[in-house]
N, C-alpha and C. Protein backbone atom coordinates (compact mmCIF):
# COMPACT_ATOMS: atom_id res chain seq x y z
N MET A 1 83.67 87.00 63.37
CA MET A 1 84.65 86.86 64.74
C MET A 1 85.53 85.59 63.25
N ASP A 2 86.80 85.82 63.27
CA ASP A 2 87.46 85.23 62.19
C ASP A 2 88.68 83.82 63.22
N TYR A 3 88.11 84.35 64.53
CA TYR A 3 89.46 83.29 65.59
C TYR A 3 88.90 81.59 65.26
N THR A 4 89.91 81.02 64.98
CA THR A 4 89.72 79.53 64.87
C THR A 4 90.20 78.85 66.52
N PHE A 5 89.32 77.80 66.75
CA PHE A 5 89.68 77.62 68.16
C PHE A 5 90.24 76.22 67.75
N HIS A 6 91.24 75.41 68.76
CA HIS A 6 92.44 74.81 68.63
C HIS A 6 92.70 74.11 69.91
N TRP A 7 91.62 73.25 70.18
CA TRP A 7 91.90 72.45 71.80
C TRP A 7 93.03 71.24 71.21
N ARG A 8 93.39 70.77 70.44
CA ARG A 8 94.07 69.76 70.50
C ARG A 8 95.56 69.95 71.08
N PRO A 9 95.80 71.01 71.08
CA PRO A 9 97.30 71.32 72.00
C PRO A 9 97.19 71.13 73.50
N VAL A 10 95.86 71.58 73.64
CA VAL A 10 95.42 71.66 75.37
C VAL A 10 95.16 70.41 75.71
N PHE A 11 94.36 69.61 75.19
CA PHE A 11 94.24 68.32 75.01
C PHE A 11 95.45 67.01 75.78
N ARG A 12 96.44 67.34 74.84
CA ARG A 12 97.65 66.82 74.99
C ARG A 12 98.75 67.63 76.03
N ALA A 13 98.01 68.69 76.26
CA ALA A 13 99.12 68.91 77.82
C ALA A 13 97.93 69.17 78.80
N LEU A 14 96.70 68.42 78.73
CA LEU A 14 96.40 67.90 79.97
C LEU A 14 96.32 66.95 80.94
N PRO A 15 97.37 66.29 80.80
CA PRO A 15 97.89 65.39 82.01
C PRO A 15 99.07 66.13 82.78
N ASP A 16 99.86 67.46 81.67
CA ASP A 16 100.45 68.66 82.97
C ASP A 16 99.83 69.10 83.58
N LEU A 17 98.65 69.98 82.90
CA LEU A 17 97.67 71.10 83.62
C LEU A 17 97.32 69.89 84.93
N LEU A 18 96.72 68.75 85.02
CA LEU A 18 96.18 67.95 85.64
C LEU A 18 97.32 68.03 87.50
N ASP A 19 98.42 67.37 86.67
CA ASP A 19 99.48 67.50 87.42
C ASP A 19 100.24 68.52 89.00
N ALA A 20 100.10 69.72 87.54
CA ALA A 20 100.09 71.06 88.48
C ALA A 20 99.01 71.56 89.15
N GLY A 21 97.64 71.08 89.10
CA GLY A 21 96.75 71.39 90.06
C GLY A 21 96.20 70.71 91.07
N LEU A 22 97.27 69.42 90.97
CA LEU A 22 97.81 68.60 92.19
C LEU A 22 98.76 69.21 93.04
N LEU A 23 99.59 70.12 91.96
CA LEU A 23 100.45 70.90 93.01
C LEU A 23 100.15 72.45 93.54
N THR A 24 98.87 72.66 93.18
CA THR A 24 98.13 73.71 93.68
C THR A 24 97.82 73.64 94.60
N MET A 25 96.79 72.18 94.88
CA MET A 25 96.40 71.79 96.01
C MET A 25 97.38 71.43 97.31
N GLU A 26 98.59 71.09 96.58
CA GLU A 26 99.59 70.87 97.79
C GLU A 26 100.05 71.88 98.34
N VAL A 27 100.30 72.51 97.53
CA VAL A 27 100.87 73.97 98.60
C VAL A 27 100.12 74.83 99.15
N ALA A 28 98.73 74.79 98.82
CA ALA A 28 97.17 75.06 99.42
C ALA A 28 96.80 74.66 100.55
N ILE A 29 96.98 73.54 100.68
CA ILE A 29 96.43 72.40 102.07
C ILE A 29 97.41 72.71 102.80
N LEU A 30 99.17 72.56 102.60
CA LEU A 30 100.28 72.73 103.56
C LEU A 30 100.33 74.32 104.40
N SER A 31 99.87 75.19 103.35
CA SER A 31 100.25 76.75 103.90
C SER A 31 98.90 76.73 104.69
N MET A 32 97.90 76.00 104.29
CA MET A 32 96.54 75.89 105.32
C MET A 32 96.91 75.09 106.74
N VAL A 33 97.35 74.11 106.85
CA VAL A 33 97.90 73.69 107.94
C VAL A 33 98.72 74.32 108.85
N ILE A 34 99.78 74.91 108.12
CA ILE A 34 101.04 75.36 108.86
C ILE A 34 100.13 77.02 109.17
N GLY A 35 99.23 77.90 108.53
CA GLY A 35 98.70 78.63 108.78
C GLY A 35 97.83 78.50 109.92
N ILE A 36 97.05 77.34 109.91
CA ILE A 36 95.98 77.06 111.31
C ILE A 36 96.54 76.69 112.71
N VAL A 37 98.27 76.14 112.48
CA VAL A 37 98.94 75.89 114.08
C VAL A 37 99.49 77.21 114.52
N THR A 38 99.87 78.02 113.22
CA THR A 38 100.90 79.21 113.76
C THR A 38 99.55 80.45 113.68
N GLY A 39 98.30 80.55 113.24
CA GLY A 39 97.41 81.38 113.51
C GLY A 39 97.08 81.38 115.15
N LEU A 40 96.52 79.94 115.49
CA LEU A 40 96.48 79.52 116.82
C LEU A 40 97.46 80.20 117.84
N LEU A 41 98.53 80.00 117.82
CA LEU A 41 99.60 80.73 118.35
C LEU A 41 99.54 82.08 118.71
N LEU A 42 98.90 82.72 117.16
CA LEU A 42 99.24 83.81 117.34
C LEU A 42 98.17 84.30 118.08
N ALA A 43 96.74 83.94 117.69
CA ALA A 43 95.50 84.01 118.63
C ALA A 43 95.90 84.39 120.31
N LEU A 44 96.34 82.95 120.43
CA LEU A 44 96.72 82.57 122.21
C LEU A 44 97.42 83.96 122.58
N ALA A 45 98.97 84.36 121.51
CA ALA A 45 99.72 85.16 122.07
C ALA A 45 99.30 86.64 122.39
N ARG A 46 98.19 86.75 121.21
CA ARG A 46 97.59 88.46 121.38
C ARG A 46 96.25 88.15 122.54
N LEU A 47 96.12 87.43 123.08
CA LEU A 47 95.09 87.08 124.16
C LEU A 47 95.31 87.11 125.28
N THR A 48 96.45 85.92 125.51
CA THR A 48 97.03 85.91 127.01
C THR A 48 98.45 85.80 127.12
N GLY A 49 99.03 86.42 126.22
CA GLY A 49 100.70 86.37 126.41
C GLY A 49 100.78 87.46 126.86
N ALA A 50 102.51 87.17 127.30
CA ALA A 50 102.98 88.62 127.47
C ALA A 50 103.23 89.77 126.33
N ALA A 51 103.76 90.67 127.07
CA ALA A 51 103.67 91.80 125.68
C ALA A 51 104.42 91.76 124.90
N PRO A 52 105.68 91.26 125.19
CA PRO A 52 106.31 90.97 123.92
C PRO A 52 106.02 89.91 123.19
N LEU A 53 104.84 89.09 123.55
CA LEU A 53 104.47 87.96 122.69
C LEU A 53 103.48 88.86 121.94
N ARG A 54 102.08 89.35 122.83
CA ARG A 54 101.41 90.65 122.49
C ARG A 54 101.69 91.60 121.01
N TRP A 55 102.53 91.91 121.07
CA TRP A 55 103.53 92.98 120.32
C TRP A 55 103.55 91.97 118.93
N PHE A 56 104.56 90.90 118.87
CA PHE A 56 104.67 90.18 118.15
C PHE A 56 103.44 89.95 117.26
N ALA A 57 102.91 89.32 117.86
CA ALA A 57 101.14 88.95 117.52
C ALA A 57 100.77 89.46 116.49
N THR A 58 100.69 90.89 117.10
CA THR A 58 99.85 92.04 116.60
C THR A 58 100.34 92.49 115.29
N THR A 59 101.96 92.63 115.58
CA THR A 59 102.56 92.85 114.07
C THR A 59 102.65 91.75 113.10
N TRP A 60 102.31 90.84 113.16
CA TRP A 60 102.33 89.83 112.17
C TRP A 60 101.14 89.82 111.36
N ILE A 61 100.32 90.08 112.82
CA ILE A 61 98.74 90.10 111.84
C ILE A 61 98.46 91.22 111.25
N GLU A 62 99.01 92.44 111.46
CA GLU A 62 98.84 93.62 111.11
C GLU A 62 99.34 93.69 109.28
N VAL A 63 100.59 92.87 109.87
CA VAL A 63 101.07 93.29 108.37
C VAL A 63 100.55 92.41 107.38
N ALA A 64 100.45 91.33 107.41
CA ALA A 64 99.68 90.20 106.57
C ALA A 64 98.20 90.45 106.36
N ARG A 65 97.30 90.90 107.09
CA ARG A 65 96.22 91.47 106.61
C ARG A 65 96.17 93.40 105.84
N ASN A 66 97.04 93.56 106.10
CA ASN A 66 97.18 95.17 105.78
C ASN A 66 98.23 95.77 104.06
N THR A 67 98.62 94.52 103.91
CA THR A 67 99.82 94.49 103.16
C THR A 67 99.16 93.58 102.00
N PRO A 68 99.26 93.78 100.45
CA PRO A 68 98.78 92.87 99.46
C PRO A 68 99.74 91.43 99.34
N ALA A 69 99.23 90.56 99.24
CA ALA A 69 99.28 89.31 98.90
C ALA A 69 101.11 88.99 98.21
N LEU A 70 100.53 89.83 96.79
CA LEU A 70 101.81 89.42 96.07
C LEU A 70 103.29 90.30 96.72
N PHE A 71 102.69 91.32 97.40
CA PHE A 71 104.14 92.31 97.73
C PHE A 71 104.78 91.29 98.67
N GLN A 72 103.82 90.28 99.82
CA GLN A 72 104.55 89.57 100.42
C GLN A 72 105.09 88.50 99.64
N LEU A 73 104.44 88.01 98.70
CA LEU A 73 105.37 86.85 97.52
C LEU A 73 107.01 87.36 97.59
N PHE A 74 106.84 88.56 96.89
CA PHE A 74 107.67 89.53 96.76
C PHE A 74 108.96 89.36 97.74
N PHE A 75 108.94 89.48 98.94
CA PHE A 75 109.29 90.20 100.00
C PHE A 75 109.80 88.52 100.23
N PHE A 76 109.28 87.61 100.45
CA PHE A 76 110.04 86.63 100.65
C PHE A 76 110.99 85.69 99.91
N GLY A 77 110.30 86.23 97.94
CA GLY A 77 111.19 85.91 96.70
C GLY A 77 112.41 86.29 96.31
N PHE A 78 112.41 87.78 96.33
CA PHE A 78 113.20 88.75 96.33
C PHE A 78 113.99 89.17 97.81
N GLY A 79 112.76 89.97 98.50
CA GLY A 79 113.79 90.85 99.81
C GLY A 79 114.52 90.24 100.39
N LEU A 80 114.34 88.60 100.81
CA LEU A 80 115.35 88.00 101.49
C LEU A 80 116.34 87.89 100.80
N GLY A 81 116.47 88.29 99.52
CA GLY A 81 117.73 88.12 99.13
C GLY A 81 119.05 88.99 98.73
N ALA A 82 118.43 89.67 99.63
CA ALA A 82 119.29 91.01 100.13
C ALA A 82 120.00 90.74 101.54
N PHE A 83 119.63 89.61 102.18
CA PHE A 83 120.20 89.05 103.24
C PHE A 83 120.84 87.43 103.00
N GLY A 84 120.95 87.62 101.87
CA GLY A 84 121.61 86.31 101.36
C GLY A 84 120.83 84.97 101.26
N ILE A 85 119.59 85.10 101.71
CA ILE A 85 118.68 83.60 101.50
C ILE A 85 117.49 83.69 100.39
N HIS A 86 118.17 82.54 99.46
CA HIS A 86 117.50 82.34 98.85
C HIS A 86 116.77 81.25 98.41
N LEU A 87 115.22 81.31 98.32
CA LEU A 87 114.33 80.12 98.56
C LEU A 87 113.97 79.69 97.30
N SER A 88 113.24 78.64 97.22
CA SER A 88 113.31 78.14 95.71
C SER A 88 111.48 78.63 95.38
N PRO A 89 110.93 79.00 94.40
CA PRO A 89 109.30 79.14 93.69
C PRO A 89 108.89 78.37 95.05
N TYR A 90 108.88 77.34 95.28
CA TYR A 90 107.48 76.33 95.73
C TYR A 90 107.75 76.60 97.50
N PHE A 91 108.91 77.25 97.67
CA PHE A 91 108.89 77.69 99.14
C PHE A 91 108.79 79.22 99.72
N ILE A 92 109.13 79.94 98.10
CA ILE A 92 108.26 81.16 98.09
C ILE A 92 106.76 81.09 98.23
N VAL A 93 106.13 80.22 97.40
CA VAL A 93 104.73 80.42 97.65
C VAL A 93 104.63 79.98 99.15
N LEU A 94 104.91 78.67 99.55
CA LEU A 94 104.47 77.86 100.90
C LEU A 94 104.68 78.92 102.46
N VAL A 95 105.41 79.58 101.95
CA VAL A 95 106.16 80.84 102.97
C VAL A 95 105.12 81.92 103.13
N GLY A 96 104.79 82.43 101.84
CA GLY A 96 104.43 83.28 101.65
C GLY A 96 102.64 83.26 102.12
N LEU A 97 102.12 82.27 101.61
CA LEU A 97 100.46 81.85 102.02
C LEU A 97 100.49 81.08 103.01
N SER A 98 101.08 81.07 104.07
CA SER A 98 101.60 80.47 105.57
C SER A 98 101.59 81.62 106.08
N PHE A 99 102.12 82.29 105.65
CA PHE A 99 102.35 84.01 106.46
C PHE A 99 100.92 84.59 106.17
N ASN A 100 100.52 84.37 105.63
CA ASN A 100 99.25 85.32 105.22
C ASN A 100 98.63 84.46 105.73
N ASN A 101 98.19 83.04 105.51
CA ASN A 101 96.61 82.57 106.53
C ASN A 101 96.78 82.79 107.61
N ALA A 102 98.48 82.46 108.26
CA ALA A 102 98.02 82.43 109.75
C ALA A 102 97.89 84.10 110.25
N GLY A 103 97.83 85.39 109.31
CA GLY A 103 97.50 86.51 109.68
C GLY A 103 96.36 86.31 109.87
N TYR A 104 95.38 86.39 108.94
CA TYR A 104 93.86 86.17 108.74
C TYR A 104 92.73 85.14 109.30
N LEU A 105 93.53 83.83 109.91
CA LEU A 105 93.37 82.78 110.54
C LEU A 105 92.95 83.27 112.18
N ALA A 106 94.30 83.97 112.93
CA ALA A 106 94.39 84.37 113.74
C ALA A 106 93.39 85.24 114.87
N GLU A 107 92.63 86.18 113.71
CA GLU A 107 91.64 86.81 113.67
C GLU A 107 90.71 86.09 114.24
N ASN A 108 90.52 85.12 112.77
CA ASN A 108 89.00 83.94 112.85
C ASN A 108 88.84 83.92 114.63
N PHE A 109 90.37 83.14 114.75
CA PHE A 109 90.41 82.49 116.44
C PHE A 109 90.45 83.20 117.26
N ARG A 110 90.34 84.30 117.42
CA ARG A 110 90.85 85.25 118.26
C ARG A 110 88.99 85.79 118.49
N GLY A 111 88.14 85.66 117.11
CA GLY A 111 86.70 85.70 117.48
C GLY A 111 86.43 84.62 118.19
N GLY A 112 87.05 83.64 117.80
CA GLY A 112 86.46 82.44 118.14
C GLY A 112 86.20 82.18 119.73
N PHE A 113 87.43 82.17 120.27
CA PHE A 113 87.78 82.50 121.78
C PHE A 113 87.19 83.32 122.44
N GLN A 114 86.79 84.31 121.91
CA GLN A 114 86.21 85.39 122.62
C GLN A 114 84.44 84.96 122.66
N ALA A 115 84.47 83.68 122.09
CA ALA A 115 82.71 83.53 121.77
C ALA A 115 82.41 82.46 122.84
N VAL A 116 83.45 81.89 123.23
CA VAL A 116 83.58 80.66 124.26
C VAL A 116 83.34 81.79 125.18
N PRO A 117 82.33 81.43 126.32
CA PRO A 117 81.66 81.83 127.47
C PRO A 117 83.10 81.48 128.46
N PRO A 118 83.45 83.04 129.17
CA PRO A 118 84.95 82.36 130.19
C PRO A 118 84.44 81.90 131.32
N THR A 119 83.28 80.97 131.48
CA THR A 119 82.87 80.52 132.79
C THR A 119 83.35 79.23 132.04
N GLN A 120 83.42 78.34 131.28
CA GLN A 120 84.17 77.42 130.59
C GLN A 120 84.99 77.01 131.46
N LEU A 121 86.04 78.05 131.17
CA LEU A 121 87.46 77.93 131.14
C LEU A 121 87.87 77.90 133.02
N ARG A 122 87.29 78.94 134.09
CA ARG A 122 87.22 78.51 135.39
C ARG A 122 86.60 77.15 135.46
N ALA A 123 85.42 77.11 135.30
CA ALA A 123 85.18 75.68 135.58
C ALA A 123 85.85 74.36 135.14
N ALA A 124 86.45 74.47 134.28
CA ALA A 124 87.60 73.31 133.75
C ALA A 124 88.61 73.34 134.55
N ARG A 125 88.87 74.92 135.10
CA ARG A 125 90.27 74.69 135.97
C ARG A 125 90.02 74.36 137.45
N SER A 126 88.65 74.62 137.74
CA SER A 126 88.11 73.54 139.08
C SER A 126 88.06 72.78 138.88
N LEU A 127 87.72 71.82 138.16
CA LEU A 127 87.94 70.66 137.99
C LEU A 127 89.28 69.70 138.40
N GLY A 128 90.39 71.16 138.12
CA GLY A 128 91.63 70.35 138.42
C GLY A 128 92.29 70.50 137.25
N MET A 129 91.85 70.44 135.86
CA MET A 129 92.45 71.05 135.30
C MET A 129 93.89 71.81 134.88
N THR A 130 94.73 71.49 134.33
CA THR A 130 95.14 72.11 134.01
C THR A 130 94.78 73.66 133.22
N ALA A 131 95.99 74.62 132.46
CA ALA A 131 95.48 75.50 131.45
C ALA A 131 95.59 75.05 130.44
N THR A 132 96.40 74.07 130.02
CA THR A 132 96.60 73.52 129.15
C THR A 132 95.29 72.62 128.94
N GLN A 133 95.19 71.94 129.84
CA GLN A 133 94.22 70.56 129.66
C GLN A 133 92.99 71.44 128.99
N ALA A 134 92.52 72.37 129.61
CA ALA A 134 91.17 73.02 129.61
C ALA A 134 91.25 73.60 128.27
N TYR A 135 92.59 74.53 127.33
CA TYR A 135 92.43 74.85 126.31
C TYR A 135 92.53 73.74 125.02
N VAL A 136 93.12 73.08 125.26
CA VAL A 136 93.04 71.71 124.32
C VAL A 136 91.78 70.74 124.57
N ARG A 137 91.19 70.49 125.93
CA ARG A 137 90.12 69.56 125.64
C ARG A 137 88.70 70.19 126.00
N ILE A 138 88.70 71.56 126.30
CA ILE A 138 87.46 72.35 126.31
C ILE A 138 87.18 73.70 125.38
N ILE A 139 88.38 74.29 125.53
CA ILE A 139 88.18 75.69 124.45
C ILE A 139 88.17 75.65 122.94
N ILE A 140 89.59 74.87 122.72
CA ILE A 140 90.15 74.72 121.70
C ILE A 140 89.01 73.99 120.55
N PRO A 141 88.11 73.02 120.82
CA PRO A 141 87.31 72.71 119.99
C PRO A 141 86.25 72.88 119.63
N GLN A 142 85.91 74.20 120.67
CA GLN A 142 84.69 74.64 120.79
C GLN A 142 85.40 76.05 119.65
N VAL A 143 86.18 76.28 119.63
CA VAL A 143 86.86 77.47 119.06
C VAL A 143 86.55 76.88 117.31
N LEU A 144 87.13 75.55 117.07
CA LEU A 144 87.33 75.15 115.56
C LEU A 144 86.10 74.87 115.14
N ARG A 145 84.78 74.70 116.27
CA ARG A 145 83.64 74.56 115.78
C ARG A 145 82.54 75.76 115.17
N ILE A 146 83.32 76.96 115.38
CA ILE A 146 82.93 78.41 115.37
C ILE A 146 83.80 78.94 114.08
N VAL A 147 84.96 78.62 113.80
CA VAL A 147 85.25 78.76 113.31
C VAL A 147 85.55 77.86 111.78
N TYR A 148 85.22 76.68 112.02
CA TYR A 148 85.17 75.90 110.66
C TYR A 148 84.93 76.59 109.55
N HIS A 149 83.92 77.01 109.10
CA HIS A 149 83.37 77.34 108.31
C HIS A 149 83.95 78.71 107.48
N PRO A 150 84.58 79.84 107.78
CA PRO A 150 85.16 80.63 108.00
C PRO A 150 86.99 80.13 107.22
N MET A 151 86.93 78.96 107.60
CA MET A 151 88.36 78.24 107.20
C MET A 151 88.06 77.59 106.46
N THR A 152 86.86 77.39 105.80
CA THR A 152 86.80 75.96 104.66
C THR A 152 87.12 77.63 103.41
N ASN A 153 86.47 78.76 103.82
CA ASN A 153 86.19 79.64 103.01
C ASN A 153 88.00 80.15 102.14
N HIS A 154 88.77 80.26 103.55
CA HIS A 154 89.86 80.44 103.70
C HIS A 154 90.70 79.35 102.27
N MET A 155 90.61 77.71 103.12
CA MET A 155 91.11 77.28 102.00
C MET A 155 91.13 77.49 100.47
N VAL A 156 89.57 77.91 99.92
CA VAL A 156 89.22 78.46 98.44
C VAL A 156 90.09 79.87 98.44
N TRP A 157 90.27 80.21 99.73
CA TRP A 157 91.29 81.89 99.34
C TRP A 157 92.38 80.88 98.81
N ALA A 158 93.03 80.58 99.59
CA ALA A 158 94.38 79.68 99.58
C ALA A 158 94.60 79.17 98.10
N VAL A 159 93.98 78.16 97.69
CA VAL A 159 94.01 77.54 96.53
C VAL A 159 94.49 78.42 95.27
N LEU A 160 92.86 79.74 95.27
CA LEU A 160 92.94 80.83 94.38
C LEU A 160 94.47 81.87 94.13
N MET A 161 94.72 81.91 95.11
CA MET A 161 95.74 82.90 95.38
C MET A 161 97.21 82.50 95.50
N SER A 162 97.23 80.90 95.16
CA SER A 162 98.26 80.31 95.10
C SER A 162 98.75 80.56 93.28
N SER A 163 97.67 81.10 92.74
CA SER A 163 97.77 81.78 91.51
C SER A 163 99.05 82.49 91.04
N LEU A 164 98.89 83.29 91.79
CA LEU A 164 100.00 84.37 92.36
C LEU A 164 101.82 84.03 92.08
N GLY A 165 102.09 82.39 92.82
CA GLY A 165 103.14 82.02 92.32
C GLY A 165 103.80 82.19 90.64
N MET A 166 103.05 82.20 89.87
CA MET A 166 103.49 82.40 88.46
C MET A 166 104.39 83.86 88.56
N LEU A 167 104.04 84.26 89.31
CA LEU A 167 104.89 85.57 89.07
C LEU A 167 106.27 85.50 89.52
N VAL A 168 106.28 84.39 91.04
CA VAL A 168 107.79 84.39 91.16
C VAL A 168 108.21 82.83 90.44
N GLY A 169 107.69 82.50 89.74
CA GLY A 169 108.30 80.87 88.83
C GLY A 169 107.83 79.95 89.42
N PHE A 170 106.82 80.21 90.39
CA PHE A 170 106.10 78.75 90.43
C PHE A 170 105.73 77.95 89.60
N ARG A 171 105.60 76.75 88.39
CA ARG A 171 104.46 76.54 88.01
C ARG A 171 103.50 75.55 88.37
N GLU A 172 102.71 75.93 89.69
CA GLU A 172 101.53 75.52 89.69
C GLU A 172 100.40 75.90 88.12
N LEU A 173 99.11 75.23 88.83
CA LEU A 173 98.42 75.53 87.70
C LEU A 173 97.99 76.74 86.39
N SER A 174 98.71 77.37 87.48
CA SER A 174 98.22 79.25 86.02
C SER A 174 99.64 79.20 85.78
N GLY A 175 100.97 78.69 86.23
CA GLY A 175 101.95 79.09 86.24
C GLY A 175 102.65 77.90 84.55
N GLU A 176 102.16 77.27 84.69
CA GLU A 176 101.70 75.74 83.84
C GLU A 176 100.73 76.49 82.33
N THR A 177 100.39 76.52 82.89
CA THR A 177 98.80 77.23 81.62
C THR A 177 99.74 78.38 81.03
N GLN A 178 100.07 79.57 81.56
CA GLN A 178 101.23 80.04 80.91
C GLN A 178 102.01 80.21 80.56
N PHE A 179 102.75 79.01 80.99
CA PHE A 179 103.72 78.48 79.75
C PHE A 179 103.06 77.65 78.38
N PHE A 180 102.40 76.60 78.63
CA PHE A 180 101.87 76.41 77.49
C PHE A 180 101.32 77.04 76.56
N ALA A 181 100.41 78.46 77.06
CA ALA A 181 99.92 79.11 76.57
C ALA A 181 101.23 80.19 75.78
N SER A 182 102.18 80.45 76.01
CA SER A 182 102.76 80.98 75.66
C SER A 182 103.27 80.56 74.68
N LYS A 183 103.51 79.00 74.49
CA LYS A 183 104.05 78.42 73.72
C LYS A 183 103.69 78.06 72.30
N THR A 184 102.41 77.97 72.16
CA THR A 184 101.07 77.51 71.05
C THR A 184 100.21 78.58 70.95
N PHE A 185 100.16 80.01 71.65
CA PHE A 185 99.61 80.90 71.40
C PHE A 185 98.13 80.38 71.44
N ARG A 186 97.33 79.60 72.19
CA ARG A 186 96.15 79.09 72.14
C ARG A 186 95.67 79.81 73.83
N ILE A 187 95.91 81.40 73.71
CA ILE A 187 95.81 81.87 75.45
C ILE A 187 94.24 81.28 75.94
N PHE A 188 93.18 81.19 74.96
CA PHE A 188 91.65 81.15 75.39
C PHE A 188 91.86 80.01 76.05
N GLU A 189 91.89 79.12 74.62
CA GLU A 189 91.40 77.33 74.72
C GLU A 189 92.45 76.88 76.69
N TYR A 190 93.83 77.80 76.73
CA TYR A 190 94.31 77.24 77.82
C TYR A 190 93.39 77.27 79.17
N PHE A 191 93.23 78.91 78.64
CA PHE A 191 92.50 79.12 80.32
C PHE A 191 91.49 78.84 80.50
N ALA A 192 90.69 78.74 79.17
CA ALA A 192 89.52 77.77 79.73
C ALA A 192 89.17 76.87 80.37
N VAL A 193 90.49 75.82 79.96
CA VAL A 193 90.34 74.12 80.51
C VAL A 193 91.02 74.83 81.62
N THR A 194 91.71 75.44 82.27
CA THR A 194 92.08 75.76 83.44
C THR A 194 91.36 76.28 84.65
N ALA A 195 90.35 77.00 83.55
CA ALA A 195 89.29 77.87 85.04
C ALA A 195 88.21 76.38 84.91
N VAL A 196 87.78 75.44 84.52
CA VAL A 196 87.19 73.95 84.83
C VAL A 196 87.99 73.82 85.90
N ILE A 197 89.08 73.40 85.52
CA ILE A 197 90.26 72.61 86.55
C ILE A 197 90.07 73.25 87.95
N TYR A 198 90.07 74.79 88.24
CA TYR A 198 90.06 75.61 89.21
C TYR A 198 88.89 75.07 89.74
N TYR A 199 87.70 75.17 89.09
CA TYR A 199 86.28 74.70 89.27
C TYR A 199 86.43 73.92 90.42
N VAL A 200 86.55 72.53 89.41
CA VAL A 200 86.43 71.29 89.93
C VAL A 200 87.42 71.03 91.07
N ILE A 201 88.22 71.78 91.30
CA ILE A 201 88.99 72.03 92.96
C ILE A 201 88.37 72.12 93.85
N VAL A 202 87.96 73.43 93.81
CA VAL A 202 87.05 73.99 94.81
C VAL A 202 85.79 73.47 95.40
N LYS A 203 85.33 72.74 94.41
CA LYS A 203 84.31 72.27 94.32
C LYS A 203 84.52 70.86 95.06
N VAL A 204 85.41 70.46 94.95
CA VAL A 204 85.85 69.41 95.63
C VAL A 204 86.74 69.06 97.01
N ILE A 205 87.13 70.87 96.98
CA ILE A 205 87.21 71.11 98.51
C ILE A 205 86.04 71.51 99.07
N LEU A 206 85.12 71.81 98.64
CA LEU A 206 83.72 72.43 99.92
C LEU A 206 83.16 71.06 99.90
N ALA A 207 83.04 69.86 99.04
CA ALA A 207 82.18 68.68 98.86
C ALA A 207 83.20 68.40 100.67
N LEU A 208 84.53 67.78 100.00
CA LEU A 208 85.49 67.99 101.11
C LEU A 208 85.41 68.10 102.94
N SER A 209 85.02 69.53 103.14
CA SER A 209 84.99 69.98 103.73
C SER A 209 83.72 69.67 104.54
N ARG A 210 82.22 70.10 103.75
CA ARG A 210 80.92 69.33 104.67
C ARG A 210 81.34 68.12 105.04
N LEU A 211 81.63 67.07 104.25
CA LEU A 211 81.78 65.88 104.95
C LEU A 211 82.45 65.81 106.05
N ILE A 212 84.10 66.33 106.25
CA ILE A 212 84.94 66.77 107.27
C ILE A 212 84.01 67.35 108.41
N GLY A 213 83.35 68.48 108.37
CA GLY A 213 82.03 68.99 109.22
C GLY A 213 81.24 68.40 109.93
N TRP A 214 80.33 67.49 108.57
CA TRP A 214 79.18 66.48 109.12
C TRP A 214 79.94 66.29 110.00
N ARG A 215 81.10 65.14 109.99
CA ARG A 215 82.07 63.62 110.29
C ARG A 215 82.33 64.52 111.85
N LEU A 216 82.88 65.84 111.98
CA LEU A 216 83.34 66.75 113.14
C LEU A 216 82.30 66.88 114.05
N PHE A 217 81.45 68.13 113.89
CA PHE A 217 80.26 68.43 113.99
C PHE A 217 79.52 68.26 114.20
N ARG A 218 78.96 66.83 113.83
CA ARG A 218 77.78 66.87 113.86
C ARG A 218 76.43 66.76 115.18
N TYR A 219 77.44 66.86 115.95
CA TYR A 219 76.50 66.86 117.05
C TYR A 219 76.80 68.29 117.94
């Protein structure tokens, strides 16, 4: 093998790669927050909503779960352009990941709601709570505990799937790596360092999730 490794260009670009890594975490975390809130609403709509709400929630979930994430990014990036809606690469990735996260998380939440005994809701209502109070104070905290670990896995998925943003011009970690690698032709070196950065990001997320889970659900 006559390939000569050159790591100096990679080390010079390391601050830019780390900044791109932070941008990857930012868009993944924001998409998860939006996905959690939207997923909860979709799950409630599918379980307890009127027929139009159930239809809307079911359609969202089916599309999100049964089409490729890349297709969804392309739809928000290029498909909406047919209607005169042009989003920046950042918002294309944020909207696409949020849409996808909401669909998957809605099914997790639906399973969580069904795992909580219905007698708890009836007991809360018999104590004088409104339906909203019963869900907020009794049901949803238990659901979050049930689905917490699947949500952690989905957060990792969101970080890794954000790499698809490079295909719509988003300069997150993979996009920034591709940019520098194409300039210097140090493909292996750049992507080897990027793989290490992704690994560290995922391990940090898992460590923080264990800490948060211990603080919230230790009892």
